[in-house]
Amino acid sequence: MRRESTARASHLLAWAGLLAVCAALFALSFQRWGHPVIDLGRDLWVPSQLLEGRVLYRDVVYNYGPVAPYLLAGIVALLGDSLVVFAGVGIASGLLCMGAVYAIGCELADWRAGFVSGLLFCAFSFFAHSTWGCNFVLPYAYAATFSMTFALASFALLLRHLQGRSGAALVGSLVLALLAVATKVEVGVAIVGVIVVAGWVHRLSLRILAGAGAAAALAGVAGFAAFSARAPGDYSLWGDNFGRFAGSGLADPFFLAVAGLDRPGAALITQVVLLMALAGAVFGANAAARLASASERGDAATLAVGVVGAAALLVLVPLAGDARILGASVLVGPVLIAWLLLRDRRDPLLLLALLVLLCAPRVLLQAHPVWYGFTLSIPAIPLAVVGLGARLSPRMQAPRATAAVLVAVALFAAGRHVATSMAHWRAQSALFDTGGGTMHDLPIGRAEAIGAFLDHAKSRRGTVDSLLVLPEGVSLNHWSGLGSPSGRYLFTPPEVPGPEVEADILGELRAEPPDWIVMNSRDLREFGVRRFGADYAPRVGTWIRKHYVRERVFGPHEWKLELWTQREPLPRSR
C-alpha cells in the first residue's frame, strides 16, 4: 500500500514539474508560433472549405490523410474559427503526446525515465522554434503532430498490453494505429510495422489482429469510394493529392537536405562524433568516480588521473548535449535490434528501436528537432533515456556518477534548445492582427505588409469576392474572407512539376478568374528557383501579366505583397 502511494506521489510530482515547464514555455513563446504564410494557412483554410460543403481530395487538394482536416473542421464548427482555437487544439495534442512519451518511459523503466522523456519533448518539440512551424501549437501540419500523437499513444498501449496482457489495451493500440495511418501515412506505417513485429515476437491475438486488418481494409475501400473523383472537374485522389510529388525532381534538393543526404559524409561524421562524446562522458564519469574513491588512499597519481577525467567531462558533456545526438539513433538502432534479437527478442526496447528506425527515413541522418525531426525524432527521446539511463547506468561500476552525467547531458540539451528557441521568440518583434487573433513575426516587413493588405481587403469588402495568392499564402484567403478560384493552395515548384499541372491551373484561372492575385516574397531558393511565373510555370505567369496589372505593393521593407487586379473584367465560365 505504501509503495502504491509513493508511486502515485512520484507520478503527481513528475507531472506537476512537466506542466510547470509547459506553462513557462507557453508564456515565453506566446503568439510566436507558426508561420503567417508558409504551411499553416493550409490547416486554417481547408477546414473552412469542408464546412462550406467542399469535399476533401475531390474539391480540395490535400496530400495527407483525412483525419486532421475533418477533425479540425468539427472543432471549428463547435468552438469557432480563430487562432486561439487552433492553438488550443495544438496544445491539447501536445499534452496528449507528452503523456504518451511519459507513459512509454514509465512502461519501459520508471517515472524518472518518463519525466526526463517528457521534459525533452517539451524542450525539443512542444513549444520549440528550431524553424518555422516546428512546434505542436501551430505546426506546419496538424497531420504531422496528430499522427505522431496517435502513434505514440498506440505504442504506449501496446506496451501496457505486453505487460499485463490486457485485450482492451491491444484493441485501443490498434484503433490508434489505424488513426495514425489515416492521418499521415508514413507515421501510421511505422507503428503498424511495429505492431506486426510485436504480433510475431509476442504472439498477439490473431483474432484481434485479423479483425483490425479487416476493419482497415473496409475503411480504405469506403474512403476511396467517398473521396474519388465523380465529375470531370474533380481532382484525382492519387494524381492531384497523394501522388503529386511523384516524378518531380524539384523537391529533391530540399528533402535531401532535410534528411542530411545532401552531405551524407559530414552528417554521418557529426553523429559519430556526438555519439563518441556521449560515450566518453559516460565512461569518463564512471572512471572518475572510481578514481575519486581510490584517492582516499592517498594515491597522488590516481587522483591526478581522476582530475583529468573530471576536466574532460566539462568538455564532453556540453558536446554530447547537442540535440543532434538523437540522430545517433539511426546508428545505434540496428545494432540494438540485432543484439536484442539474439539476446532477448521479447524485450520491448526492441520494438521502440524499430519504431525509431521506421520513423527516421525522412530525417535519416538528421533525426533531431530541426525541420520534420520535431515530430519524427520524438520516439528517439525515450529510446535514449531508457537505453542509457535505465539500462546502461546500473551496469556501470559507478552507476550514480554515470546517471548524474546522463542527467546533465539531458538537461544541457534541453536548456540549449530552449535558449535557441528564446532567441527566435525575442526576434519576433513585429505583429499584426489577423481578425481572429494576433501573430508575431520577424521585423522584415512581412507583418506590416500582411496587416496593410488585410486592412485594404476589409475596406473593399463587398466589391471583391476572390483572391489567389502565389506561390503560397492561402492564410490570406482565410483571414480576408476572400474565396479562391482553385482547390489548390500551394503553387511552389513541387506542386507544379510540369506542363500538365500548369495546364490544369490555367484552366481553373480561365474558368474562374480571381478578382485579385497577390504575389508575395516567399523565398523559393530551397527549390532552386526564385520566382513563380518566370523560373517555373511560365505560361501561368504570361497569362497573369496579359490580363492583370500590378495595382499596389504592400510592405515598405524587403518582404512585400504585390496586388494585381484585372485590366478589364474577365468572363467566367462557371
Protein backbone atom coordinates (compact mmCIF):
# COMPACT_ATOMS: atom_id res chain seq x y z
CA MET A 1 0.00 0.00 0.00
CA ARG A 2 2.81 2.38 0.92
CA ARG A 3 4.59 1.52 -2.33
CA GLU A 4 1.49 2.38 -4.37
CA SER A 5 1.02 5.71 -2.59
CA THR A 6 4.70 6.54 -3.08
CA ALA A 7 4.45 5.71 -6.78
CA ARG A 8 1.32 7.84 -7.10
CA ALA A 9 3.04 10.75 -5.38
CA SER A 10 6.06 10.39 -7.68
CA HIS A 11 3.86 10.50 -10.77
CA LEU A 12 1.99 13.54 -9.48
CA LEU A 13 5.24 15.32 -8.71
CA ALA A 14 6.63 14.48 -12.15
CA TRP A 15 3.52 15.78 -13.89
CA ALA A 16 3.50 18.93 -11.76
CA GLY A 17 7.06 19.58 -12.94
CA LEU A 18 6.24 18.92 -16.59
CA LEU A 19 3.16 21.15 -16.52
CA ALA A 20 5.18 23.91 -14.86
CA VAL A 21 7.74 23.70 -17.68
CA CYS A 22 4.92 23.77 -20.24
CA ALA A 23 3.40 26.85 -18.60
CA ALA A 24 6.74 28.65 -18.64
CA LEU A 25 7.41 27.83 -22.29
CA PHE A 26 3.85 28.85 -23.21
CA ALA A 27 4.35 32.24 -21.58
CA LEU A 28 7.75 32.77 -23.21
CA SER A 29 6.53 31.80 -26.68
CA PHE A 30 3.07 33.36 -26.52
CA GLN A 31 1.69 34.16 -30.00
CA ARG A 32 5.05 33.31 -31.58
CA TRP A 33 4.03 30.01 -33.11
CA GLY A 34 3.52 29.17 -36.75
CA HIS A 35 4.36 30.95 -39.98
CA PRO A 36 1.97 33.59 -41.35
CA VAL A 37 2.43 32.46 -44.97
CA ILE A 38 4.08 29.05 -45.26
CA ASP A 39 2.19 25.80 -44.46
CA LEU A 40 -0.03 26.95 -41.56
CA GLY A 41 -2.58 28.53 -43.90
CA ARG A 42 -3.46 25.10 -45.27
CA ASP A 43 -4.79 23.88 -41.92
CA LEU A 44 -6.61 27.16 -41.33
CA TRP A 45 -8.23 27.24 -44.77
CA VAL A 46 -9.06 23.60 -45.57
CA PRO A 47 -11.41 23.02 -42.58
CA SER A 48 -13.41 26.12 -43.52
CA GLN A 49 -13.79 24.79 -47.05
CA LEU A 50 -15.08 21.47 -45.72
CA LEU A 51 -17.62 23.31 -43.58
CA GLU A 52 -18.81 25.10 -46.72
CA GLY A 53 -19.59 21.74 -48.33
CA ARG A 54 -16.46 21.06 -50.39
CA VAL A 55 -15.12 17.51 -50.27
CA LEU A 56 -11.52 16.69 -49.44
CA TYR A 57 -9.39 15.37 -52.31
CA ARG A 58 -12.25 15.81 -54.78
CA ASP A 59 -12.69 19.59 -54.43
CA VAL A 60 -9.65 20.49 -52.31
CA VAL A 61 -6.13 19.17 -52.86
CA TYR A 62 -4.64 17.62 -49.71
CA ASN A 63 -1.70 15.23 -49.51
CA TYR A 64 -2.26 13.77 -46.03
CA GLY A 65 -4.97 11.52 -44.62
CA PRO A 66 -8.48 12.85 -43.93
CA VAL A 67 -8.46 12.70 -40.11
CA ALA A 68 -6.78 16.05 -39.33
CA PRO A 69 -8.84 18.33 -41.63
CA TYR A 70 -12.19 16.78 -40.74
CA LEU A 71 -11.33 16.74 -37.03
CA LEU A 72 -10.31 20.41 -37.24
CA ALA A 73 -13.49 21.21 -39.17
CA GLY A 74 -15.58 19.63 -36.41
CA ILE A 75 -13.74 21.58 -33.72
CA VAL A 76 -14.09 24.84 -35.66
CA ALA A 77 -17.82 24.19 -36.08
CA LEU A 78 -18.16 23.81 -32.31
CA LEU A 79 -15.74 26.42 -30.98
CA GLY A 80 -15.35 28.95 -33.78
CA ASP A 81 -12.66 29.84 -36.28
CA SER A 82 -9.76 31.68 -34.65
CA LEU A 83 -6.08 31.29 -33.93
CA VAL A 84 -6.96 30.77 -30.27
CA VAL A 85 -8.98 27.67 -31.17
CA PHE A 86 -6.26 26.27 -33.43
CA ALA A 87 -3.59 26.95 -30.81
CA GLY A 88 -5.76 25.31 -28.17
CA VAL A 89 -6.09 22.21 -30.35
CA GLY A 90 -2.33 22.16 -30.81
CA ILE A 91 -1.70 22.45 -27.07
CA ALA A 92 -4.15 19.64 -26.37
CA SER A 93 -2.37 17.46 -28.94
CA GLY A 94 1.00 18.34 -27.36
CA LEU A 95 -0.19 17.42 -23.87
CA LEU A 96 -1.52 14.09 -25.13
CA CYS A 97 1.75 13.41 -26.94
CA MET A 98 3.73 14.30 -23.83
CA GLY A 99 1.52 11.93 -21.88
CA ALA A 100 2.29 9.15 -24.36
CA VAL A 101 6.04 9.82 -24.17
CA TYR A 102 5.83 9.82 -20.36
CA ALA A 103 3.88 6.55 -20.36
CA ILE A 104 6.43 4.90 -22.67
CA GLY A 105 9.26 5.88 -20.32
CA CYS A 106 7.30 4.56 -17.33
CA GLU A 107 6.38 1.27 -19.03
CA LEU A 108 9.96 0.59 -20.11
CA ALA A 109 11.62 1.85 -16.90
CA ASP A 110 10.05 4.06 -14.21
CA TRP A 111 8.62 7.52 -13.58
CA ARG A 112 12.09 9.06 -13.73
CA ALA A 113 12.55 7.92 -17.33
CA GLY A 114 9.05 9.16 -18.10
CA PHE A 115 9.78 12.56 -16.59
CA VAL A 116 13.08 13.09 -18.43
CA SER A 117 11.49 11.92 -21.70
CA GLY A 118 8.59 14.33 -21.22
CA LEU A 119 10.97 17.15 -20.34
CA LEU A 120 13.00 16.63 -23.52
CA PHE A 121 9.79 16.50 -25.56
CA CYS A 122 8.78 19.88 -24.09
CA ALA A 123 12.14 21.39 -24.99
CA PHE A 124 12.55 19.87 -28.46
CA SER A 125 9.03 19.70 -29.86
CA PHE A 126 6.13 21.14 -27.88
CA PHE A 127 6.72 24.91 -27.98
CA ALA A 128 10.12 24.90 -29.66
CA HIS A 129 11.22 27.15 -32.50
CA SER A 130 14.05 25.40 -34.35
CA THR A 131 12.45 26.53 -37.63
CA TRP A 132 9.04 27.93 -38.55
CA GLY A 133 6.13 25.69 -37.57
CA CYS A 134 8.32 23.16 -35.74
CA ASN A 135 6.10 23.03 -32.67
CA PHE A 136 2.85 21.40 -31.66
CA VAL A 137 0.92 24.62 -31.05
CA LEU A 138 0.62 25.99 -34.60
CA PRO A 139 2.59 23.39 -36.56
CA TYR A 140 3.45 23.23 -40.25
CA ALA A 141 0.90 20.40 -40.46
CA TYR A 142 -1.54 19.20 -37.82
CA ALA A 143 -1.46 15.88 -39.65
CA ALA A 144 2.17 15.51 -38.54
CA THR A 145 1.52 16.24 -34.85
CA PHE A 146 -1.78 14.33 -34.69
CA SER A 147 -0.31 11.24 -36.37
CA MET A 148 2.69 11.13 -34.03
CA THR A 149 0.39 11.55 -31.04
CA PHE A 150 -1.75 8.65 -32.24
CA ALA A 151 1.33 6.51 -32.97
CA LEU A 152 2.99 7.08 -29.59
CA ALA A 153 -0.28 6.55 -27.71
CA SER A 154 -0.73 3.33 -29.70
CA PHE A 155 2.77 2.23 -28.73
CA ALA A 156 2.18 3.04 -25.05
CA LEU A 157 -0.98 0.90 -25.06
CA LEU A 158 0.88 -1.89 -26.86
CA LEU A 159 3.47 -1.88 -24.06
CA ARG A 160 0.69 -2.00 -21.48
CA HIS A 161 -0.81 -4.99 -23.27
CA LEU A 162 2.57 -6.74 -23.31
CA GLN A 163 2.99 -6.08 -19.59
CA GLY A 164 -0.47 -7.15 -18.48
CA ARG A 165 -1.97 -8.95 -21.49
CA SER A 166 -4.90 -6.54 -21.48
CA GLY A 167 -7.10 -7.17 -24.51
CA ALA A 168 -8.65 -3.71 -24.22
CA ALA A 169 -5.19 -2.12 -24.40
CA LEU A 170 -4.39 -4.07 -27.56
CA VAL A 171 -7.67 -3.03 -29.20
CA GLY A 172 -7.00 0.59 -28.25
CA SER A 173 -3.48 0.33 -29.68
CA LEU A 174 -4.82 -0.98 -32.99
CA VAL A 175 -7.51 1.72 -33.23
CA LEU A 176 -4.95 4.45 -32.63
CA ALA A 177 -2.56 2.89 -35.16
CA LEU A 178 -5.28 2.97 -37.82
CA LEU A 179 -5.99 6.61 -36.94
CA ALA A 180 -2.29 7.33 -37.42
CA VAL A 181 -2.40 5.71 -40.88
CA ALA A 182 -5.46 7.76 -41.80
CA THR A 183 -3.74 10.95 -40.59
CA LYS A 184 -0.23 10.71 -42.05
CA VAL A 185 0.66 7.52 -43.85
CA GLU A 186 4.40 7.41 -43.17
CA VAL A 187 3.92 7.60 -39.39
CA GLY A 188 1.00 5.19 -39.50
CA VAL A 189 3.00 2.63 -41.46
CA ALA A 190 5.76 2.87 -38.84
CA ILE A 191 3.51 2.00 -35.89
CA VAL A 192 1.68 -0.69 -37.89
CA GLY A 193 5.04 -2.24 -38.73
CA VAL A 194 5.93 -2.30 -35.02
CA ILE A 195 2.61 -3.97 -34.17
CA VAL A 196 3.17 -6.60 -36.88
CA VAL A 197 6.60 -7.42 -35.45
CA ALA A 198 5.14 -7.47 -31.92
CA GLY A 199 2.47 -9.89 -33.16
CA TRP A 200 5.19 -12.26 -34.36
CA VAL A 201 7.54 -11.90 -31.36
CA HIS A 202 4.92 -11.85 -28.61
CA ARG A 203 2.26 -13.98 -30.30
CA LEU A 204 -0.50 -11.42 -30.09
CA SER A 205 -4.11 -12.47 -30.59
CA LEU A 206 -4.57 -13.38 -34.25
CA ARG A 207 -8.31 -12.87 -33.91
CA ILE A 208 -7.88 -9.25 -32.80
CA LEU A 209 -5.19 -8.55 -35.40
CA ALA A 210 -7.27 -10.08 -38.19
CA GLY A 211 -10.28 -8.04 -37.12
CA ALA A 212 -8.21 -4.88 -37.20
CA GLY A 213 -6.89 -5.74 -40.66
CA ALA A 214 -10.39 -6.35 -41.98
CA ALA A 215 -11.65 -3.08 -40.48
CA ALA A 216 -8.73 -1.22 -42.04
CA ALA A 217 -9.42 -2.75 -45.45
CA LEU A 218 -13.11 -1.83 -45.28
CA ALA A 219 -12.27 1.71 -44.15
CA GLY A 220 -9.81 2.05 -47.04
CA VAL A 221 -12.34 0.92 -49.63
CA ALA A 222 -15.01 3.22 -48.16
CA GLY A 223 -12.55 6.14 -48.13
CA PHE A 224 -11.56 5.70 -51.76
CA ALA A 225 -15.21 5.42 -52.75
CA ALA A 226 -16.14 8.59 -50.81
CA PHE A 227 -13.25 10.75 -52.00
CA SER A 228 -12.70 9.62 -55.58
CA ALA A 229 -13.50 11.96 -58.48
CA ARG A 230 -17.11 11.89 -59.66
CA ALA A 231 -17.10 14.60 -62.32
CA PRO A 232 -14.63 15.77 -64.99
CA GLY A 233 -13.69 18.88 -62.97
CA ASP A 234 -12.85 16.98 -59.78
CA TYR A 235 -9.31 16.46 -58.61
CA SER A 236 -7.79 12.99 -58.83
CA LEU A 237 -7.41 11.26 -55.49
CA TRP A 238 -3.95 9.97 -56.42
CA GLY A 239 -2.57 12.24 -59.12
CA ASP A 240 -3.53 15.59 -57.58
CA ASN A 241 -3.22 14.59 -53.93
CA PHE A 242 -1.04 11.75 -52.65
CA GLY A 243 0.97 11.31 -55.84
CA ARG A 244 1.61 14.89 -56.77
CA PHE A 245 5.33 14.69 -55.89
CA ALA A 246 5.84 11.57 -57.99
CA GLY A 247 8.13 12.18 -60.92
CA SER A 248 9.04 15.69 -59.74
CA GLY A 249 12.68 16.36 -59.07
CA LEU A 250 12.06 19.95 -57.96
CA ALA A 251 11.65 18.94 -54.31
CA ASP A 252 14.61 16.55 -54.25
CA PRO A 253 17.28 19.07 -53.12
CA PHE A 254 15.10 20.21 -50.25
CA PHE A 255 14.24 16.72 -48.99
CA LEU A 256 17.84 15.54 -49.39
CA ALA A 257 18.95 18.45 -47.21
CA VAL A 258 16.26 17.61 -44.63
CA ALA A 259 17.50 14.02 -44.47
CA GLY A 260 21.16 15.03 -44.41
CA LEU A 261 21.74 13.13 -47.65
CA ASP A 262 22.96 16.20 -49.50
CA ARG A 263 26.15 15.87 -47.45
CA PRO A 264 25.95 12.31 -46.09
CA GLY A 265 29.59 12.11 -45.09
CA ALA A 266 29.50 15.25 -42.96
CA ALA A 267 26.15 14.31 -41.38
CA LEU A 268 27.38 10.81 -40.53
CA ILE A 269 30.63 12.11 -39.07
CA THR A 270 28.68 14.55 -36.91
CA GLN A 271 26.56 11.74 -35.45
CA VAL A 272 29.62 9.56 -34.83
CA VAL A 273 31.46 12.40 -33.07
CA LEU A 274 28.47 13.20 -30.87
CA LEU A 275 27.97 9.53 -30.03
CA MET A 276 31.66 9.21 -29.11
CA ALA A 277 31.37 12.31 -26.94
CA LEU A 278 28.43 10.80 -25.08
CA ALA A 279 30.26 7.50 -24.62
CA GLY A 280 33.34 9.37 -23.43
CA ALA A 281 31.33 11.39 -20.93
CA VAL A 282 29.60 8.27 -19.53
CA PHE A 283 32.73 6.19 -19.19
CA GLY A 284 34.73 9.19 -18.00
CA ALA A 285 32.24 9.78 -15.19
CA ASN A 286 32.41 6.14 -14.23
CA ALA A 287 36.22 6.16 -14.19
CA ALA A 288 36.43 9.49 -12.38
CA ALA A 289 34.12 8.25 -9.62
CA ARG A 290 36.18 5.10 -9.15
CA LEU A 291 39.42 7.09 -9.11
CA ALA A 292 37.99 9.56 -6.62
CA SER A 293 37.21 6.76 -4.21
CA ALA A 294 40.75 5.47 -4.69
CA SER A 295 42.13 8.91 -3.80
CA GLU A 296 41.11 8.31 -0.20
CA ARG A 297 44.11 6.00 -0.03
CA GLY A 298 46.37 8.97 -0.85
CA ASP A 299 47.45 7.79 -4.31
CA ALA A 300 48.54 11.07 -5.97
CA ALA A 301 48.87 9.57 -9.46
CA THR A 302 45.40 8.08 -9.33
CA LEU A 303 44.00 11.37 -8.06
CA ALA A 304 45.63 13.24 -10.94
CA VAL A 305 44.03 10.90 -13.47
CA GLY A 306 40.69 11.50 -11.77
CA VAL A 307 41.12 15.26 -12.05
CA VAL A 308 41.92 14.94 -15.76
CA GLY A 309 38.84 12.77 -16.25
CA ALA A 310 36.63 15.29 -14.44
CA ALA A 311 38.05 18.12 -16.55
CA ALA A 312 37.34 16.14 -19.71
CA LEU A 313 33.71 15.86 -18.63
CA LEU A 314 33.39 19.65 -18.71
CA VAL A 315 34.11 19.45 -22.46
CA LEU A 316 32.34 16.22 -23.34
CA VAL A 317 29.02 16.85 -21.55
CA PRO A 318 28.23 20.07 -23.48
CA LEU A 319 29.28 18.39 -26.75
CA ALA A 320 27.19 15.30 -26.05
CA GLY A 321 24.30 17.59 -25.10
CA ASP A 322 23.85 18.69 -28.71
CA ALA A 323 20.25 17.91 -29.73
CA ARG A 324 21.60 16.36 -32.93
CA ILE A 325 22.72 13.40 -30.87
CA LEU A 326 19.21 11.98 -31.35
CA GLY A 327 20.33 11.26 -34.90
CA ALA A 328 22.72 8.68 -33.45
CA SER A 329 19.63 6.50 -33.00
CA VAL A 330 20.00 5.65 -36.70
CA LEU A 331 23.47 4.30 -35.92
CA VAL A 332 22.63 2.56 -32.66
CA GLY A 333 19.17 1.29 -33.65
CA PRO A 334 20.18 -1.56 -35.98
CA VAL A 335 22.89 -2.70 -33.57
CA LEU A 336 20.45 -2.62 -30.66
CA ILE A 337 17.80 -4.53 -32.62
CA ALA A 338 20.29 -7.22 -33.72
CA TRP A 339 21.62 -7.56 -30.16
CA LEU A 340 18.16 -7.88 -28.63
CA LEU A 341 17.04 -10.38 -31.27
CA LEU A 342 19.94 -12.59 -30.25
CA ARG A 343 19.80 -11.90 -26.51
CA ASP A 344 16.10 -11.37 -25.72
CA ARG A 345 13.79 -10.65 -28.60
CA ARG A 346 10.88 -10.19 -26.19
CA ASP A 347 12.49 -7.09 -24.69
CA PRO A 348 10.07 -4.25 -25.59
CA LEU A 349 13.05 -1.93 -26.10
CA LEU A 350 13.49 -3.76 -29.42
CA LEU A 351 10.06 -2.53 -30.53
CA LEU A 352 10.90 1.06 -29.59
CA ALA A 353 14.19 0.88 -31.53
CA LEU A 354 12.21 -0.42 -34.51
CA LEU A 355 9.70 2.44 -34.24
CA VAL A 356 12.58 4.94 -34.20
CA LEU A 357 14.08 3.46 -37.37
CA LEU A 358 10.75 3.25 -39.21
CA CYS A 359 10.06 6.93 -38.44
CA ALA A 360 13.56 8.01 -39.46
CA PRO A 361 13.80 7.75 -43.30
CA ARG A 362 12.60 11.32 -43.88
CA VAL A 363 15.28 12.61 -41.45
CA LEU A 364 17.70 9.72 -41.86
CA LEU A 365 20.99 11.39 -40.90
CA GLN A 366 19.42 14.36 -39.15
CA ALA A 367 16.96 12.80 -36.74
CA HIS A 368 16.93 15.84 -34.50
CA PRO A 369 14.39 18.60 -33.75
CA VAL A 370 15.01 20.76 -36.82
CA TRP A 371 12.52 20.61 -39.72
CA TYR A 372 10.41 17.45 -39.74
CA GLY A 373 12.50 15.99 -36.94
CA PHE A 374 10.46 17.88 -34.35
CA THR A 375 7.90 15.08 -34.75
CA LEU A 376 9.80 12.22 -36.39
CA SER A 377 12.60 12.21 -33.80
CA ILE A 378 10.27 12.05 -30.79
CA PRO A 379 10.43 8.22 -30.43
CA ALA A 380 14.23 8.55 -30.19
CA ILE A 381 13.84 10.51 -26.94
CA PRO A 382 12.52 7.67 -24.72
CA LEU A 383 14.83 5.24 -26.53
CA ALA A 384 17.85 7.32 -25.50
CA VAL A 385 16.56 7.92 -21.97
CA VAL A 386 15.63 4.29 -21.28
CA GLY A 387 18.53 2.71 -23.17
CA LEU A 388 21.15 4.87 -21.44
CA GLY A 389 19.61 5.81 -18.13
CA ALA A 390 17.70 2.66 -17.22
CA ARG A 391 19.77 0.01 -18.98
CA LEU A 392 23.33 1.32 -19.15
CA SER A 393 24.00 3.25 -15.94
CA PRO A 394 23.08 0.44 -13.47
CA ARG A 395 25.58 -1.82 -15.25
CA MET A 396 28.46 0.61 -14.69
CA GLN A 397 30.74 0.20 -11.67
CA ALA A 398 29.86 3.75 -10.59
CA PRO A 399 26.15 3.93 -11.50
CA ARG A 400 25.40 7.13 -9.59
CA ALA A 401 28.13 9.07 -11.38
CA THR A 402 27.04 7.69 -14.73
CA ALA A 403 23.40 8.57 -14.06
CA ALA A 404 24.42 12.07 -12.97
CA VAL A 405 26.30 12.63 -16.25
CA LEU A 406 23.36 11.36 -18.31
CA VAL A 407 21.01 13.71 -16.46
CA ALA A 408 23.47 16.57 -17.05
CA VAL A 409 23.57 15.76 -20.77
CA ALA A 410 19.76 15.72 -20.96
CA LEU A 411 19.38 18.98 -19.06
CA PHE A 412 22.08 20.69 -21.10
CA ALA A 413 20.47 19.58 -24.38
CA ALA A 414 17.05 20.76 -23.23
CA GLY A 415 18.39 24.05 -21.94
CA ARG A 416 20.38 24.79 -25.07
CA HIS A 417 17.42 24.10 -27.32
CA VAL A 418 15.15 26.28 -25.19
CA ALA A 419 17.76 29.05 -25.34
CA THR A 420 17.80 28.78 -29.14
CA SER A 421 14.02 28.98 -29.20
CA MET A 422 14.05 32.00 -26.92
CA ALA A 423 16.39 33.81 -29.30
CA HIS A 424 13.85 33.22 -32.10
CA TRP A 425 10.97 34.34 -29.91
CA ARG A 426 12.73 37.56 -28.90
CA ALA A 427 13.48 38.32 -32.55
CA GLN A 428 9.75 38.28 -33.41
CA SER A 429 9.08 41.90 -32.51
CA ALA A 430 6.60 42.70 -35.31
CA LEU A 431 2.94 41.79 -35.01
CA PHE A 432 -0.33 42.03 -36.89
CA ASP A 433 -3.99 41.31 -36.23
CA THR A 434 -5.49 38.53 -38.34
CA GLY A 435 -9.04 39.31 -37.26
CA GLY A 436 -9.07 36.00 -35.42
CA GLY A 437 -6.03 36.53 -33.25
CA THR A 438 -2.63 38.22 -33.15
CA MET A 439 0.57 36.84 -34.66
CA HIS A 440 4.14 37.93 -34.02
CA ASP A 441 6.69 37.91 -36.81
CA LEU A 442 10.27 38.85 -37.62
CA PRO A 443 10.87 42.57 -38.33
CA ILE A 444 11.34 42.09 -42.08
CA GLY A 445 8.22 43.91 -43.22
CA ARG A 446 6.03 40.82 -43.56
CA ALA A 447 3.78 41.66 -40.62
CA GLU A 448 3.34 45.23 -41.86
CA ALA A 449 2.60 44.03 -45.41
CA ILE A 450 0.04 41.44 -44.29
CA GLY A 451 -1.64 43.85 -41.87
CA ALA A 452 -1.89 46.56 -44.54
CA PHE A 453 -3.29 44.09 -47.08
CA LEU A 454 -5.92 42.78 -44.64
CA ASP A 455 -6.99 46.36 -43.85
CA HIS A 456 -7.28 47.05 -47.60
CA ALA A 457 -9.30 43.88 -48.16
CA LYS A 458 -11.61 44.87 -45.32
CA SER A 459 -12.17 48.29 -46.89
CA ARG A 460 -13.13 46.63 -50.21
CA ARG A 461 -15.42 44.05 -48.69
CA GLY A 462 -18.50 43.57 -50.89
CA THR A 463 -16.74 44.66 -54.09
CA VAL A 464 -14.15 41.87 -54.21
CA ASP A 465 -15.03 38.18 -53.91
CA SER A 466 -11.99 36.09 -54.82
CA LEU A 467 -8.25 36.03 -54.31
CA LEU A 468 -5.40 33.82 -55.50
CA VAL A 469 -2.09 34.01 -53.59
CA LEU A 470 1.09 32.93 -55.38
CA PRO A 471 3.25 30.99 -54.83
CA GLU A 472 1.89 30.27 -51.35
CA GLY A 473 -0.21 32.01 -48.73
CA VAL A 474 -3.78 30.73 -48.55
CA SER A 475 -3.77 32.12 -45.00
CA LEU A 476 -4.53 35.49 -46.65
CA ASN A 477 -7.71 34.00 -48.13
CA HIS A 478 -8.66 32.70 -44.72
CA TRP A 479 -8.05 35.94 -42.85
CA SER A 480 -9.54 38.23 -45.51
CA GLY A 481 -12.59 36.04 -46.10
CA LEU A 482 -11.99 36.03 -49.85
CA GLY A 483 -12.68 32.83 -51.75
CA SER A 484 -10.21 31.09 -54.01
CA PRO A 485 -10.91 30.03 -57.60
CA SER A 486 -8.81 26.92 -57.06
CA GLY A 487 -8.88 23.94 -54.74
CA ARG A 488 -5.09 24.14 -54.76
CA TYR A 489 -3.44 26.22 -52.09
CA LEU A 490 0.23 25.58 -52.93
CA PHE A 491 1.93 26.73 -56.10
CA THR A 492 5.53 26.12 -55.08
CA PRO A 493 7.74 24.16 -57.53
CA PRO A 494 6.98 20.65 -56.17
CA GLU A 495 3.25 21.28 -56.66
CA VAL A 496 3.71 22.49 -60.25
CA PRO A 497 6.09 19.81 -61.52
CA GLY A 498 5.32 20.04 -65.22
CA PRO A 499 3.14 21.20 -68.12
CA GLU A 500 0.14 19.03 -67.23
CA VAL A 501 -0.36 20.58 -63.79
CA GLU A 502 0.33 24.03 -65.20
CA ALA A 503 -2.37 23.44 -67.83
CA ASP A 504 -4.82 22.46 -65.07
CA ILE A 505 -4.06 25.67 -63.17
CA LEU A 506 -4.55 27.73 -66.32
CA GLY A 507 -7.87 26.02 -66.90
CA GLU A 508 -9.04 26.95 -63.41
CA LEU A 509 -7.99 30.57 -63.84
CA ARG A 510 -9.72 30.89 -67.20
CA ALA A 511 -12.89 29.28 -65.86
CA GLU A 512 -13.00 31.49 -62.77
CA PRO A 513 -10.56 34.42 -62.95
CA PRO A 514 -9.92 35.76 -59.43
CA ASP A 515 -10.69 39.41 -58.71
CA TRP A 516 -7.29 39.77 -57.09
CA ILE A 517 -3.97 37.99 -57.45
CA VAL A 518 -1.31 38.54 -54.80
CA MET A 519 2.34 37.76 -55.45
CA ASN A 520 4.37 37.53 -52.23
CA SER A 521 8.06 37.36 -51.37
CA ARG A 522 8.05 33.68 -50.42
CA ASP A 523 11.69 32.53 -50.73
CA LEU A 524 11.88 29.67 -53.25
CA ARG A 525 15.64 29.20 -53.29
CA GLU A 526 15.31 25.97 -51.31
CA PHE A 527 13.81 24.52 -54.50
CA GLY A 528 16.50 26.00 -56.76
CA VAL A 529 14.28 28.74 -58.27
CA ARG A 530 13.49 32.36 -57.45
CA ARG A 531 10.11 33.42 -58.83
CA PHE A 532 6.76 31.93 -59.83
CA GLY A 533 5.82 32.51 -63.45
CA ALA A 534 9.42 33.06 -64.55
CA ASP A 535 11.64 30.19 -63.40
CA TYR A 536 8.70 27.75 -63.49
CA ALA A 537 5.02 27.83 -64.55
CA PRO A 538 5.87 30.39 -67.30
CA ARG A 539 2.53 30.07 -69.13
CA VAL A 540 0.61 30.97 -65.96
CA GLY A 541 2.90 33.95 -65.47
CA THR A 542 2.32 35.10 -69.06
CA TRP A 543 -1.45 34.78 -68.68
CA ILE A 544 -1.41 36.84 -65.46
CA ARG A 545 0.69 39.61 -66.98
CA LYS A 546 -1.62 39.72 -70.01
CA HIS A 547 -4.88 40.02 -68.08
CA TYR A 548 -3.80 41.68 -64.80
CA VAL A 549 -1.92 44.82 -63.82
CA ARG A 550 0.03 45.43 -60.64
CA GLU A 551 -2.07 47.95 -58.75
CA ARG A 552 -0.38 48.25 -55.39
CA VAL A 553 2.53 46.98 -53.30
CA PHE A 554 2.18 46.38 -49.57
CA GLY A 555 5.32 46.40 -47.48
CA PRO A 556 7.97 49.08 -47.08
CA HIS A 557 10.84 46.68 -46.41
CA GLU A 558 12.42 43.60 -48.01
CA TRP A 559 9.25 41.49 -47.76
CA LYS A 560 6.33 42.63 -49.95
CA LEU A 561 2.89 41.73 -51.26
CA GLU A 562 2.12 42.73 -54.85
CA LEU A 563 -1.61 43.18 -55.55
CA TRP A 564 -2.62 42.51 -59.18
CA THR A 565 -6.10 43.40 -60.44
CA GLN A 566 -7.88 42.68 -63.73
CA ARG A 567 -7.11 45.05 -66.60
CA GLU A 568 -10.73 44.65 -67.67
CA PRO A 569 -13.48 42.35 -66.40
CA LEU A 570 -12.81 38.75 -67.44
CA PRO A 571 -15.68 36.38 -68.30
CA ARG A 572 -16.34 33.38 -66.10
CA SER A 573 -17.46 30.02 -67.37
CA ARG A 574 -18.60 28.71 -64.00
